[in-house]
Every structure is written in C-alpha cells, then in structure tokens.
Amino acid sequence: KEKSLDSSEAEAKELINKFTIKKLPALLLSNDIDAYPEISQSLSQLKSKDGSYYVMESQAPYVEAESGKLRGLAKLTLLNDSSCKECYNVEIHKSIIARFGIALDEEKNVDAGSAEGKQLISKYSIKSIPAIVLTGDLKIYEGFNTVWKQVGTVETDGAYVFREISAMGPNMAYKDTATNEVKKVEAPQQPTGQQ
C-alpha cells in the first residue's frame, strides 16, 4: 500500500510526533521491507525505536516539520576577472559545492571590473580573484561548515567568502586584487632527504 499525507493533516501530525520527524518531506516504510534483506540492511540505522517503520527524512532543501520553514537554500555569486585569461575557471567551485549537497536557489556571475564586483571586493576585502560568495541558509550543512573553516570566512553579515586560493591546487593562476598581478599558487615544498 502507498499513502500520501499533507503535513497539515491530523494523521500526518500524529506520525511526525510519534517518530520525532524534523524534516519534510519524509518517507515511512513499514517493517515489511525486512523481507528484502539487502534493502533493510542498508536502512537499519533509520529504523524507528519501536521497529515498526524505517523513517527517511529529506536532505536539504527541506521544510522544518515544527515551523514549516523552508531550509537549506543558498545563493552563489561567482566573482571572476574577465581580463585575466590565465586565471583558473571560477566554475570549478560549483562542482565542489555540489559535492556537499548545497541547494542553490540562485546563481550569478560578477566580473571584478564591474561596479558590483568592485563593491564585493571592497566590502569583503577580497584579496584574490576568482572567488565565490555564498549567502543563505548554510548553517544546516555541517560537513560543509567544517571544511569551510579551512578555505574561507563567514562574515558578520553571514556571507561565506572563499579566501584560500592554495586550496584550488598548485599552479592555479589567480589575480591579486591589491597589485593587479597574475600569480600562481606555489606547489608545496618537498621535504629534503635526511642524512
């Protein structure tokens, strides 16, 4: 059997409370799925305390069951310099962000030479281009937030600004916004042999 419930319905509210569901949509599979050991084994960590259902909650973006608030949407601003043909492609950042499951609601490209680009560089003291600025509901992405501490900053207005060009790999070209020079990320020094 299959049944769909709206979260506003009494039965749905009862299930949300019974199984302490925090994120919607959610999928409840009865323990009849145990007849398929390959499937039930991979779902074992999702089994309810009473063992009657497997509870699968949504990943971002999702709706908070309690408040009804939509969570996990972000806006990506790709900051590039069209005059720097040698600079690495800022689009690389999109595939990295996708690996963390971040749901982009909006995306835009901004050139460093434009009024908006100059404003972003000034506002966030961006020293190297290409760069990205992420805004929105990013606190829910725990894995992303852990990694971000190594490659960027979270500003007082909540914007996530990419800072660590060296994280992009050796020999990647970028533009220094202070000197307007094109530079390359230096390869890490190899340890010298011990005697």
Protein backbone atom coordinates (compact mmCIF):
# COMPACT_ATOMS: atom_id res chain seq x y z
CA LYS A 1 0.00 0.00 0.00
CA GLU A 2 1.01 3.59 -0.57
CA LYS A 3 -0.38 6.64 1.16
CA SER A 4 0.46 10.35 0.84
CA LEU A 5 -0.32 12.77 3.64
CA ASP A 6 -0.10 16.53 3.83
CA SER A 7 1.74 17.70 6.94
CA SER A 8 -1.33 19.71 7.98
CA GLU A 9 -3.49 16.57 8.29
CA ALA A 10 -4.13 15.09 11.73
CA GLU A 11 -2.71 11.68 10.78
CA ALA A 12 0.48 13.29 9.45
CA LYS A 13 0.87 15.36 12.62
CA GLU A 14 0.45 12.21 14.69
CA LEU A 15 3.21 10.42 12.71
CA ILE A 16 5.50 13.47 12.88
CA ASN A 17 5.15 13.45 16.68
CA LYS A 18 5.34 9.68 17.09
CA PHE A 19 8.56 9.34 15.05
CA THR A 20 10.03 12.75 16.00
CA ILE A 21 10.28 13.75 12.35
CA LYS A 22 12.13 17.04 11.98
CA LYS A 23 12.43 17.38 8.18
CA LEU A 24 9.79 17.14 5.47
CA PRO A 25 9.06 15.54 3.14
CA ALA A 26 9.67 12.25 4.91
CA LEU A 27 9.17 8.67 3.83
CA LEU A 28 7.99 5.97 6.19
CA LEU A 29 8.50 2.37 5.10
CA SER A 30 6.79 -0.35 7.11
CA ASN A 31 8.98 -3.08 8.57
CA ASP A 32 7.57 -5.39 5.86
CA ILE A 33 10.61 -4.24 3.87
CA ASP A 34 12.59 -6.62 6.11
CA ALA A 35 11.54 -9.35 3.65
CA TYR A 36 14.22 -7.80 1.40
CA PRO A 37 17.42 -8.20 3.45
CA GLU A 38 19.66 -6.24 1.05
CA ILE A 39 17.41 -3.19 1.38
CA SER A 40 16.57 -3.44 5.08
CA GLN A 41 20.23 -3.93 6.00
CA SER A 42 21.18 -0.62 4.34
CA LEU A 43 18.28 1.10 6.11
CA SER A 44 18.95 -0.32 9.58
CA GLN A 45 20.13 2.99 11.07
CA LEU A 46 16.81 4.57 10.02
CA LYS A 47 14.58 2.13 11.90
CA SER A 48 12.21 3.68 14.43
CA LYS A 49 12.66 2.89 18.11
CA ASP A 50 9.64 0.61 18.13
CA GLY A 51 10.89 -1.14 14.96
CA SER A 52 7.64 -0.64 13.07
CA TYR A 53 8.95 1.75 10.41
CA TYR A 54 12.03 2.97 8.63
CA VAL A 55 11.98 6.77 8.73
CA MET A 56 13.77 8.64 5.94
CA GLU A 57 13.83 12.41 6.29
CA SER A 58 14.64 14.83 3.46
CA GLN A 59 18.05 16.27 2.85
CA ALA A 60 18.30 19.97 2.10
CA PRO A 61 16.36 21.77 0.96
CA TYR A 62 13.67 20.65 3.34
CA VAL A 63 10.78 22.03 5.36
CA GLU A 64 11.11 22.05 9.14
CA ALA A 65 8.26 19.93 10.42
CA GLU A 66 7.71 22.08 13.50
CA SER A 67 7.87 25.57 11.98
CA GLY A 68 7.01 24.93 8.33
CA LYS A 69 10.09 26.96 7.37
CA LEU A 70 11.98 26.08 4.17
CA ARG A 71 15.65 25.40 4.99
CA GLY A 72 18.87 24.96 3.05
CA LEU A 73 18.64 27.30 0.05
CA ALA A 74 21.72 29.30 -0.91
CA LYS A 75 22.76 31.96 -3.40
CA LEU A 76 26.12 31.64 -5.17
CA THR A 77 27.99 34.62 -6.57
CA LEU A 78 30.91 33.66 -8.81
CA LEU A 79 33.44 36.50 -8.85
CA ASN A 80 35.77 36.39 -11.84
CA ASP A 81 38.03 38.78 -13.74
CA SER A 82 37.38 38.71 -17.49
CA SER A 83 40.71 40.46 -18.12
CA CYS A 84 42.60 37.51 -16.59
CA LYS A 85 42.64 34.83 -19.29
CA GLU A 86 45.19 32.76 -17.32
CA CYS A 87 43.10 32.66 -14.13
CA TYR A 88 41.53 29.35 -13.21
CA ASN A 89 37.88 28.87 -14.12
CA VAL A 90 35.67 30.05 -11.25
CA GLU A 91 33.05 27.48 -12.35
CA ILE A 92 35.21 24.80 -10.64
CA HIS A 93 33.70 25.97 -7.36
CA LYS A 94 30.22 24.87 -8.47
CA SER A 95 31.21 21.20 -8.66
CA ILE A 96 32.88 21.42 -5.25
CA ILE A 97 29.75 22.97 -3.71
CA ALA A 98 27.60 20.29 -5.33
CA ARG A 99 29.59 17.57 -3.52
CA PHE A 100 28.34 18.99 -0.22
CA GLY A 101 24.73 18.80 -1.39
CA ILE A 102 24.16 22.54 -1.14
CA ALA A 103 20.91 23.51 -2.84
CA LEU A 104 21.44 26.62 -4.94
CA ASP A 105 18.36 28.77 -5.29
CA GLU A 106 20.17 31.45 -7.27
CA GLU A 107 23.49 31.79 -9.05
CA LYS A 108 25.14 34.72 -10.77
CA ASN A 109 28.44 35.67 -12.36
CA VAL A 110 30.00 39.01 -11.45
CA ASP A 111 33.07 40.49 -13.12
CA ALA A 112 35.66 42.02 -10.79
CA GLY A 113 35.84 45.12 -13.01
CA SER A 114 32.11 45.86 -12.74
CA ALA A 115 30.62 48.19 -10.13
CA GLU A 116 29.12 45.19 -8.31
CA GLY A 117 32.43 43.31 -8.49
CA LYS A 118 34.38 46.26 -7.05
CA GLN A 119 31.78 46.59 -4.30
CA LEU A 120 32.12 42.89 -3.35
CA ILE A 121 35.94 43.12 -3.35
CA SER A 122 35.81 46.19 -1.11
CA LYS A 123 33.01 45.01 1.19
CA TYR A 124 34.66 41.65 1.93
CA SER A 125 38.33 42.67 1.48
CA ILE A 126 38.78 40.01 -1.20
CA LYS A 127 42.50 39.67 -1.97
CA SER A 128 42.40 37.07 -4.77
CA ILE A 129 40.19 36.54 -7.81
CA PRO A 130 38.49 34.21 -8.79
CA ALA A 131 36.46 33.92 -5.62
CA ILE A 132 32.97 33.00 -4.56
CA VAL A 133 30.48 34.44 -2.11
CA LEU A 134 27.73 32.19 -0.74
CA THR A 135 24.75 33.53 1.16
CA GLY A 136 21.60 31.97 2.50
CA ASP A 137 20.74 29.16 4.86
CA LEU A 138 24.13 27.41 5.03
CA LYS A 139 24.40 26.62 8.76
CA ILE A 140 22.48 23.36 8.29
CA TYR A 141 25.28 21.88 6.13
CA GLU A 142 27.52 20.54 8.90
CA GLY A 143 30.14 18.87 6.69
CA PHE A 144 30.41 21.95 4.53
CA ASN A 145 30.80 24.24 7.54
CA THR A 146 33.62 22.08 8.91
CA VAL A 147 35.55 22.27 5.63
CA TRP A 148 34.76 25.94 5.03
CA LYS A 149 36.81 26.94 8.09
CA GLN A 150 39.90 25.81 6.14
CA VAL A 151 39.16 27.69 2.91
CA GLY A 152 37.08 30.75 3.73
CA THR A 153 35.48 33.04 6.23
CA VAL A 154 31.96 33.67 7.46
CA GLU A 155 31.42 37.41 7.54
CA THR A 156 29.40 39.38 10.08
CA ASP A 157 26.50 39.59 7.60
CA GLY A 158 26.51 35.77 7.27
CA ALA A 159 28.18 35.66 3.82
CA TYR A 160 30.64 32.84 3.19
CA VAL A 161 33.65 34.23 1.30
CA PHE A 162 36.25 31.96 -0.31
CA ARG A 163 39.78 33.04 0.69
CA GLU A 164 42.28 30.20 0.37
CA ILE A 165 43.39 30.09 -3.28
CA SER A 166 46.01 27.44 -2.41
CA ALA A 167 43.13 25.02 -1.76
CA MET A 168 42.50 25.02 -5.51
CA GLY A 169 45.78 23.21 -6.11
CA PRO A 170 49.31 24.02 -7.24
CA ASN A 171 49.97 26.16 -10.33
CA MET A 172 46.44 27.60 -10.42
CA ALA A 173 46.58 31.17 -11.73
CA TYR A 174 44.72 33.98 -9.95
CA LYS A 175 44.80 37.76 -9.76
CA ASP A 176 46.00 39.61 -6.68
CA THR A 177 43.46 42.43 -6.18
CA ALA A 178 45.97 44.68 -4.39
CA THR A 179 48.68 44.61 -7.08
CA ASN A 180 46.55 43.58 -10.08
CA GLU A 181 49.24 40.97 -10.82
CA VAL A 182 48.52 37.47 -12.07
CA LYS A 183 50.13 34.94 -9.75
CA LYS A 184 50.21 31.17 -9.45
CA VAL A 185 49.63 29.01 -6.41
CA GLU A 186 53.00 27.65 -5.44
CA ALA A 187 53.45 23.89 -5.26
CA PRO A 188 54.13 22.66 -1.72
CA GLN A 189 57.79 22.29 -0.90
CA GLN A 190 59.04 18.71 -0.98
CA PRO A 191 60.80 17.68 2.22
CA THR A 192 64.52 17.33 1.76
CA GLY A 193 66.11 13.95 2.40
CA GLN A 194 67.58 13.32 5.82
CA GLN A 195 71.21 12.30 6.21
